[in-house]
Amino acid sequence: ATTTFEFCAREASQIFGGLSYSRGGQGAKVERLYRDVRAYAIPGGSEEIMLDLSIRQSLRVHKALGMKFRNSAP
């Protein structure tokens, strides 16, 4: 979710240009979103760490259910 939020904030910043850096006027909301996105992303950890954690948890669930993995490569 934070990846999508960061993408949207970055694109809005690109659209607004220099106005997105001002704390007043038309770019105020974009500037606030761009600042907030970092605050939401940091407590969860880096994307790589979160991806590794989710893969490990998925593997653990599959093993607990007795599912077998198959190699998708020919």
PDB file of N, CA and C in Angstrom:
ATOM      1  N   ALA A   1       0.820  -1.189   0.000  1.00  0.00           N
ATOM      2  CA  ALA A   1       0.000   0.000   0.000  1.00  0.00           C
ATOM      3  C   ALA A   1       0.869   1.260   0.000  1.00  0.00           C
ATOM      4  N   THR A   2       1.959   1.220   0.763  1.00  0.00           N
ATOM      5  CA  THR A   2       2.804   2.415   0.794  1.00  0.00           C
ATOM      6  C   THR A   2       3.514   2.637  -0.532  1.00  0.00           C
ATOM      7  N   THR A   3       3.771   1.561  -1.259  1.00  0.00           N
ATOM      8  CA  THR A   3       4.405   1.707  -2.571  1.00  0.00           C
ATOM      9  C   THR A   3       3.472   2.449  -3.521  1.00  0.00           C
ATOM     10  N   THR A   4       2.199   2.090  -3.491  1.00  0.00           N
ATOM     11  CA  THR A   4       1.210   2.762  -4.336  1.00  0.00           C
ATOM     12  C   THR A   4       1.033   4.209  -3.901  1.00  0.00           C
ATOM     13  N   PHE A   5       0.981   4.426  -2.596  1.00  0.00           N
ATOM     14  CA  PHE A   5       0.843   5.782  -2.067  1.00  0.00           C
ATOM     15  C   PHE A   5       2.030   6.644  -2.485  1.00  0.00           C
ATOM     16  N   GLU A   6       3.218   6.081  -2.398  1.00  0.00           N
ATOM     17  CA  GLU A   6       4.419   6.815  -2.795  1.00  0.00           C
ATOM     18  C   GLU A   6       4.394   7.136  -4.289  1.00  0.00           C
ATOM     19  N   PHE A   7       3.954   6.190  -5.106  1.00  0.00           N
ATOM     20  CA  PHE A   7       3.858   6.419  -6.546  1.00  0.00           C
ATOM     21  C   PHE A   7       2.883   7.559  -6.840  1.00  0.00           C
ATOM     22  N   CYS A   8       1.715   7.529  -6.192  1.00  0.00           N
ATOM     23  CA  CYS A   8       0.709   8.572  -6.425  1.00  0.00           C
ATOM     24  C   CYS A   8       1.213   9.945  -5.989  1.00  0.00           C
ATOM     25  N   ALA A   9       1.871   9.996  -4.837  1.00  0.00           N
ATOM     26  CA  ALA A   9       2.410  11.274  -4.356  1.00  0.00           C
ATOM     27  C   ALA A   9       3.484  11.802  -5.299  1.00  0.00           C
ATOM     28  N   ARG A  10       4.338  10.909  -5.799  1.00  0.00           N
ATOM     29  CA  ARG A  10       5.401  11.320  -6.722  1.00  0.00           C
ATOM     30  C   ARG A  10       4.815  11.828  -8.035  1.00  0.00           C
ATOM     31  N   GLU A  11       3.803  11.135  -8.557  1.00  0.00           N
ATOM     32  CA  GLU A  11       3.184  11.571  -9.811  1.00  0.00           C
ATOM     33  C   GLU A  11       2.460  12.901  -9.640  1.00  0.00           C
ATOM     34  N   ALA A  12       1.772  13.072  -8.501  1.00  0.00           N
ATOM     35  CA  ALA A  12       1.107  14.351  -8.238  1.00  0.00           C
ATOM     36  C   ALA A  12       2.132  15.472  -8.143  1.00  0.00           C
ATOM     37  N   SER A  13       3.271  15.173  -7.545  1.00  0.00           N
ATOM     38  CA  SER A  13       4.345  16.155  -7.443  1.00  0.00           C
ATOM     39  C   SER A  13       4.869  16.535  -8.827  1.00  0.00           C
ATOM     40  N   GLN A  14       4.975  15.559  -9.711  1.00  0.00           N
ATOM     41  CA  GLN A  14       5.420  15.828 -11.081  1.00  0.00           C
ATOM     42  C   GLN A  14       4.410  16.704 -11.818  1.00  0.00           C
ATOM     43  N   ILE A  15       3.131  16.431 -11.606  1.00  0.00           N
ATOM     44  CA  ILE A  15       2.081  17.201 -12.283  1.00  0.00           C
ATOM     45  C   ILE A  15       2.079  18.649 -11.804  1.00  0.00           C
ATOM     46  N   PHE A  16       2.200  18.847 -10.490  1.00  0.00           N
ATOM     47  CA  PHE A  16       2.163  20.193  -9.936  1.00  0.00           C
ATOM     48  C   PHE A  16       3.476  20.945 -10.100  1.00  0.00           C
ATOM     49  N   GLY A  17       4.548  20.232 -10.358  1.00  0.00           N
ATOM     50  CA  GLY A  17       5.839  20.884 -10.558  1.00  0.00           C
ATOM     51  C   GLY A  17       6.321  21.587  -9.304  1.00  0.00           C
ATOM     52  N   GLY A  18       6.789  22.805  -9.458  1.00  0.00           N
ATOM     53  CA  GLY A  18       7.330  23.568  -8.339  1.00  0.00           C
ATOM     54  C   GLY A  18       6.307  23.905  -7.273  1.00  0.00           C
ATOM     55  N   LEU A  19       5.027  23.960  -7.651  1.00  0.00           N
ATOM     56  CA  LEU A  19       3.990  24.250  -6.664  1.00  0.00           C
ATOM     57  C   LEU A  19       3.882  23.161  -5.601  1.00  0.00           C
ATOM     58  N   SER A  20       4.320  21.955  -5.933  1.00  0.00           N
ATOM     59  CA  SER A  20       4.196  20.854  -4.974  1.00  0.00           C
ATOM     60  C   SER A  20       5.172  20.986  -3.805  1.00  0.00           C
ATOM     61  N   TYR A  21       6.089  21.936  -3.871  1.00  0.00           N
ATOM     62  CA  TYR A  21       7.032  22.151  -2.777  1.00  0.00           C
ATOM     63  C   TYR A  21       6.605  23.281  -1.854  1.00  0.00           C
ATOM     64  N   SER A  22       5.511  23.963  -2.190  1.00  0.00           N
ATOM     65  CA  SER A  22       5.055  25.070  -1.358  1.00  0.00           C
ATOM     66  C   SER A  22       4.049  24.566  -0.324  1.00  0.00           C
ATOM     67  N   ARG A  23       4.111  25.130   0.865  1.00  0.00           N
ATOM     68  CA  ARG A  23       3.207  24.692   1.932  1.00  0.00           C
ATOM     69  C   ARG A  23       1.889  25.455   1.908  1.00  0.00           C
ATOM     70  N   GLY A  24       1.723  26.326   0.959  1.00  0.00           N
ATOM     71  CA  GLY A  24       0.485  27.075   0.836  1.00  0.00           C
ATOM     72  C   GLY A  24       0.025  27.070  -0.606  1.00  0.00           C
ATOM     73  N   GLY A  25      -1.197  27.472  -0.823  1.00  0.00           N
ATOM     74  CA  GLY A  25      -1.712  27.561  -2.181  1.00  0.00           C
ATOM     75  C   GLY A  25      -2.122  26.220  -2.756  1.00  0.00           C
ATOM     76  N   GLN A  26      -2.050  26.108  -4.072  1.00  0.00           N
ATOM     77  CA  GLN A  26      -2.537  24.929  -4.779  1.00  0.00           C
ATOM     78  C   GLN A  26      -1.744  23.667  -4.477  1.00  0.00           C
ATOM     79  N   GLY A  27      -0.476  23.785  -4.206  1.00  0.00           N
ATOM     80  CA  GLY A  27       0.352  22.606  -3.995  1.00  0.00           C
ATOM     81  C   GLY A  27       0.432  22.132  -2.556  1.00  0.00           C
ATOM     82  N   ALA A  28      -0.315  22.747  -1.657  1.00  0.00           N
ATOM     83  CA  ALA A  28      -0.212  22.419  -0.231  1.00  0.00           C
ATOM     84  C   ALA A  28      -0.566  20.962   0.053  1.00  0.00           C
ATOM     85  N   LYS A  29      -1.632  20.462  -0.552  1.00  0.00           N
ATOM     86  CA  LYS A  29      -2.042  19.076  -0.299  1.00  0.00           C
ATOM     87  C   LYS A  29      -1.024  18.085  -0.851  1.00  0.00           C
ATOM     88  N   VAL A  30      -0.485  18.379  -2.012  1.00  0.00           N
ATOM     89  CA  VAL A  30       0.504  17.486  -2.617  1.00  0.00           C
ATOM     90  C   VAL A  30       1.769  17.473  -1.766  1.00  0.00           C
ATOM     91  N   GLU A  31       2.177  18.641  -1.303  1.00  0.00           N
ATOM     92  CA  GLU A  31       3.372  18.728  -0.458  1.00  0.00           C
ATOM     93  C   GLU A  31       3.172  17.938   0.826  1.00  0.00           C
ATOM     94  N   ARG A  32       1.991  18.018   1.416  1.00  0.00           N
ATOM     95  CA  ARG A  32       1.688  17.282   2.654  1.00  0.00           C
ATOM     96  C   ARG A  32       1.687  15.768   2.400  1.00  0.00           C
ATOM     97  N   LEU A  33       1.085  15.333   1.309  1.00  0.00           N
ATOM     98  CA  LEU A  33       1.069  13.907   0.972  1.00  0.00           C
ATOM     99  C   LEU A  33       2.481  13.382   0.766  1.00  0.00           C
ATOM    100  N   TYR A  34       3.286  14.166   0.087  1.00  0.00           N
ATOM    101  CA  TYR A  34       4.656  13.733  -0.198  1.00  0.00           C
ATOM    102  C   TYR A  34       5.476  13.600   1.085  1.00  0.00           C
ATOM    103  N   ARG A  35       5.222  14.471   2.063  1.00  0.00           N
ATOM    104  CA  ARG A  35       5.906  14.357   3.359  1.00  0.00           C
ATOM    105  C   ARG A  35       5.377  13.171   4.152  1.00  0.00           C
ATOM    106  N   ASP A  36       4.061  12.969   4.129  1.00  0.00           N
ATOM    107  CA  ASP A  36       3.440  11.898   4.910  1.00  0.00           C
ATOM    108  C   ASP A  36       3.800  10.508   4.408  1.00  0.00           C
ATOM    109  N   VAL A  37       4.032  10.366   3.119  1.00  0.00           N
ATOM    110  CA  VAL A  37       4.291   9.036   2.558  1.00  0.00           C
ATOM    111  C   VAL A  37       5.524   8.406   3.193  1.00  0.00           C
ATOM    112  N   ARG A  38       6.520   9.183   3.502  1.00  0.00           N
ATOM    113  CA  ARG A  38       7.722   8.635   4.138  1.00  0.00           C
ATOM    114  C   ARG A  38       7.426   8.193   5.569  1.00  0.00           C
ATOM    115  N   ALA A  39       6.574   8.924   6.252  1.00  0.00           N
ATOM    116  CA  ALA A  39       6.227   8.565   7.632  1.00  0.00           C
ATOM    117  C   ALA A  39       5.482   7.236   7.686  1.00  0.00           C
ATOM    118  N   TYR A  40       4.692   6.933   6.665  1.00  0.00           N
ATOM    119  CA  TYR A  40       3.958   5.665   6.636  1.00  0.00           C
ATOM    120  C   TYR A  40       4.859   4.504   6.231  1.00  0.00           C
ATOM    121  N   ALA A  41       5.833   4.762   5.406  1.00  0.00           N
ATOM    122  CA  ALA A  41       6.682   3.687   4.891  1.00  0.00           C
ATOM    123  C   ALA A  41       7.751   3.250   5.889  1.00  0.00           C
ATOM    124  N   ILE A  42       8.294   4.152   6.654  1.00  0.00           N
ATOM    125  CA  ILE A  42       9.428   3.849   7.527  1.00  0.00           C
ATOM    126  C   ILE A  42       9.105   2.836   8.631  1.00  0.00           C
ATOM    127  N   PRO A  43       7.989   2.942   9.379  1.00  0.00           N
ATOM    128  CA  PRO A  43       7.749   1.978  10.466  1.00  0.00           C
ATOM    129  C   PRO A  43       7.622   0.530  10.008  1.00  0.00           C
ATOM    130  N   GLY A  44       7.168   0.299   8.802  1.00  0.00           N
ATOM    131  CA  GLY A  44       7.001  -1.066   8.311  1.00  0.00           C
ATOM    132  C   GLY A  44       8.301  -1.731   7.929  1.00  0.00           C
ATOM    133  N   GLY A  45       9.311  -0.981   7.639  1.00  0.00           N
ATOM    134  CA  GLY A  45      10.583  -1.532   7.186  1.00  0.00           C
ATOM    135  C   GLY A  45      10.742  -1.312   5.695  1.00  0.00           C
ATOM    136  N   SER A  46      11.916  -1.644   5.194  1.00  0.00           N
ATOM    137  CA  SER A  46      12.154  -1.441   3.768  1.00  0.00           C
ATOM    138  C   SER A  46      11.325  -2.434   2.955  1.00  0.00           C
ATOM    139  N   GLU A  47      11.101  -2.104   1.713  1.00  0.00           N
ATOM    140  CA  GLU A  47      10.303  -2.974   0.847  1.00  0.00           C
ATOM    141  C   GLU A  47      10.922  -4.357   0.714  1.00  0.00           C
ATOM    142  N   GLU A  48      12.245  -4.411   0.655  1.00  0.00           N
ATOM    143  CA  GLU A  48      12.923  -5.695   0.503  1.00  0.00           C
ATOM    144  C   GLU A  48      12.715  -6.574   1.730  1.00  0.00           C
ATOM    145  N   ILE A  49      12.786  -5.976   2.907  1.00  0.00           N
ATOM    146  CA  ILE A  49      12.584  -6.732   4.142  1.00  0.00           C
ATOM    147  C   ILE A  49      11.148  -7.237   4.227  1.00  0.00           C
ATOM    148  N   MET A  50      10.187  -6.385   3.893  1.00  0.00           N
ATOM    149  CA  MET A  50       8.783  -6.793   3.953  1.00  0.00           C
ATOM    150  C   MET A  50       8.486  -7.886   2.930  1.00  0.00           C
ATOM    151  N   LEU A  51       9.079  -7.809   1.756  1.00  0.00           N
ATOM    152  CA  LEU A  51       8.883  -8.842   0.740  1.00  0.00           C
ATOM    153  C   LEU A  51       9.470 -10.169   1.203  1.00  0.00           C
ATOM    154  N   ASP A  52      10.664 -10.131   1.774  1.00  0.00           N
ATOM    155  CA  ASP A  52      11.295 -11.340   2.301  1.00  0.00           C
ATOM    156  C   ASP A  52      10.439 -11.956   3.404  1.00  0.00           C
ATOM    157  N   LEU A  53       9.916 -11.137   4.292  1.00  0.00           N
ATOM    158  CA  LEU A  53       9.070 -11.626   5.377  1.00  0.00           C
ATOM    159  C   LEU A  53       7.810 -12.292   4.842  1.00  0.00           C
ATOM    160  N   SER A  54       7.169 -11.669   3.857  1.00  0.00           N
ATOM    161  CA  SER A  54       5.938 -12.248   3.309  1.00  0.00           C
ATOM    162  C   SER A  54       6.205 -13.575   2.601  1.00  0.00           C
ATOM    163  N   ILE A  55       7.324 -13.695   1.914  1.00  0.00           N
ATOM    164  CA  ILE A  55       7.663 -14.957   1.244  1.00  0.00           C
ATOM    165  C   ILE A  55       7.929 -16.049   2.272  1.00  0.00           C
ATOM    166  N   ARG A  56       8.669 -15.707   3.326  1.00  0.00           N
ATOM    167  CA  ARG A  56       8.948 -16.701   4.374  1.00  0.00           C
ATOM    168  C   ARG A  56       7.663 -17.173   5.054  1.00  0.00           C
ATOM    169  N   GLN A  57       6.741 -16.248   5.311  1.00  0.00           N
ATOM    170  CA  GLN A  57       5.478 -16.628   5.938  1.00  0.00           C
ATOM    171  C   GLN A  57       4.646 -17.501   5.006  1.00  0.00           C
ATOM    172  N   SER A  58       4.639 -17.185   3.721  1.00  0.00           N
ATOM    173  CA  SER A  58       3.902 -17.999   2.748  1.00  0.00           C
ATOM    174  C   SER A  58       4.470 -19.409   2.675  1.00  0.00           C
ATOM    175  N   LEU A  59       5.788 -19.532   2.681  1.00  0.00           N
ATOM    176  CA  LEU A  59       6.421 -20.854   2.657  1.00  0.00           C
ATOM    177  C   LEU A  59       6.065 -21.651   3.907  1.00  0.00           C
ATOM    178  N   ARG A  60       6.052 -20.984   5.037  1.00  0.00           N
ATOM    179  CA  ARG A  60       5.710 -21.647   6.292  1.00  0.00           C
ATOM    180  C   ARG A  60       4.267 -22.169   6.261  1.00  0.00           C
ATOM    181  N   VAL A  61       3.347 -21.383   5.735  1.00  0.00           N
ATOM    182  CA  VAL A  61       1.943 -21.804   5.637  1.00  0.00           C
ATOM    183  C   VAL A  61       1.812 -22.993   4.698  1.00  0.00           C
ATOM    184  N   HIS A  62       2.485 -22.950   3.562  1.00  0.00           N
ATOM    185  CA  HIS A  62       2.418 -24.058   2.609  1.00  0.00           C
ATOM    186  C   HIS A  62       2.968 -25.349   3.213  1.00  0.00           C
ATOM    187  N   LYS A  63       4.059 -25.247   3.948  1.00  0.00           N
ATOM    188  CA  LYS A  63       4.623 -26.438   4.599  1.00  0.00           C
ATOM    189  C   LYS A  63       3.665 -26.978   5.650  1.00  0.00           C
ATOM    190  N   ALA A  64       3.031 -26.088   6.415  1.00  0.00           N
ATOM    191  CA  ALA A  64       2.101 -26.510   7.459  1.00  0.00           C
ATOM    192  C   ALA A  64       0.884 -27.210   6.864  1.00  0.00           C
ATOM    193  N   LEU A  65       0.476 -26.796   5.686  1.00  0.00           N
ATOM    194  CA  LEU A  65      -0.672 -27.418   5.024  1.00  0.00           C
ATOM    195  C   LEU A  65      -0.279 -28.668   4.251  1.00  0.00           C
ATOM    196  N   GLY A  66       1.003 -28.953   4.193  1.00  0.00           N
ATOM    197  CA  GLY A  66       1.471 -30.146   3.497  1.00  0.00           C
ATOM    198  C   GLY A  66       1.479 -30.015   1.990  1.00  0.00           C
ATOM    199  N   MET A  67       1.486 -28.800   1.499  1.00  0.00           N
ATOM    200  CA  MET A  67       1.501 -28.589   0.052  1.00  0.00           C
ATOM    201  C   MET A  67       2.918 -28.762  -0.468  1.00  0.00           C
ATOM    202  N   LYS A  68       3.027 -29.268  -1.666  1.00  0.00           N
ATOM    203  CA  LYS A  68       4.336 -29.447  -2.293  1.00  0.00           C
ATOM    204  C   LYS A  68       4.545 -28.346  -3.320  1.00  0.00           C
ATOM    205  N   PHE A  69       5.785 -27.933  -3.439  1.00  0.00           N
ATOM    206  CA  PHE A  69       6.141 -26.929  -4.431  1.00  0.00           C
ATOM    207  C   PHE A  69       6.636 -27.623  -5.682  1.00  0.00           C
ATOM    208  N   ARG A  70       6.303 -27.041  -6.797  1.00  0.00           N
ATOM    209  CA  ARG A  70       6.817 -27.598  -8.044  1.00  0.00           C
ATOM    210  C   ARG A  70       7.639 -26.534  -8.739  1.00  0.00           C
ATOM    211  N   ASN A  71       8.628 -26.968  -9.436  1.00  0.00           N
ATOM    212  CA  ASN A  71       9.505 -26.064 -10.155  1.00  0.00           C
ATOM    213  C   ASN A  71       8.813 -25.658 -11.444  1.00  0.00           C
ATOM    214  N   SER A  72       8.655 -24.363 -11.663  1.00  0.00           N
ATOM    215  CA  SER A  72       7.960 -23.894 -12.861  1.00  0.00           C
ATOM    216  C   SER A  72       8.881 -23.844 -14.075  1.00  0.00           C
ATOM    217  N   ALA A  73      10.182 -24.007 -13.860  1.00  0.00           N
ATOM    218  CA  ALA A  73      11.123 -23.992 -14.984  1.00  0.00           C
ATOM    219  C   ALA A  73      11.069 -25.333 -15.711  1.00  0.00           C
ATOM    220  N   PRO A  74      11.223 -25.323 -17.044  1.00  0.00           N
ATOM    221  CA  PRO A  74      11.168 -26.587 -17.792  1.00  0.00           C
ATOM    222  C   PRO A  74      12.355 -27.486 -17.537  1.00  0.00           C
TER     223      PRO A  74
END
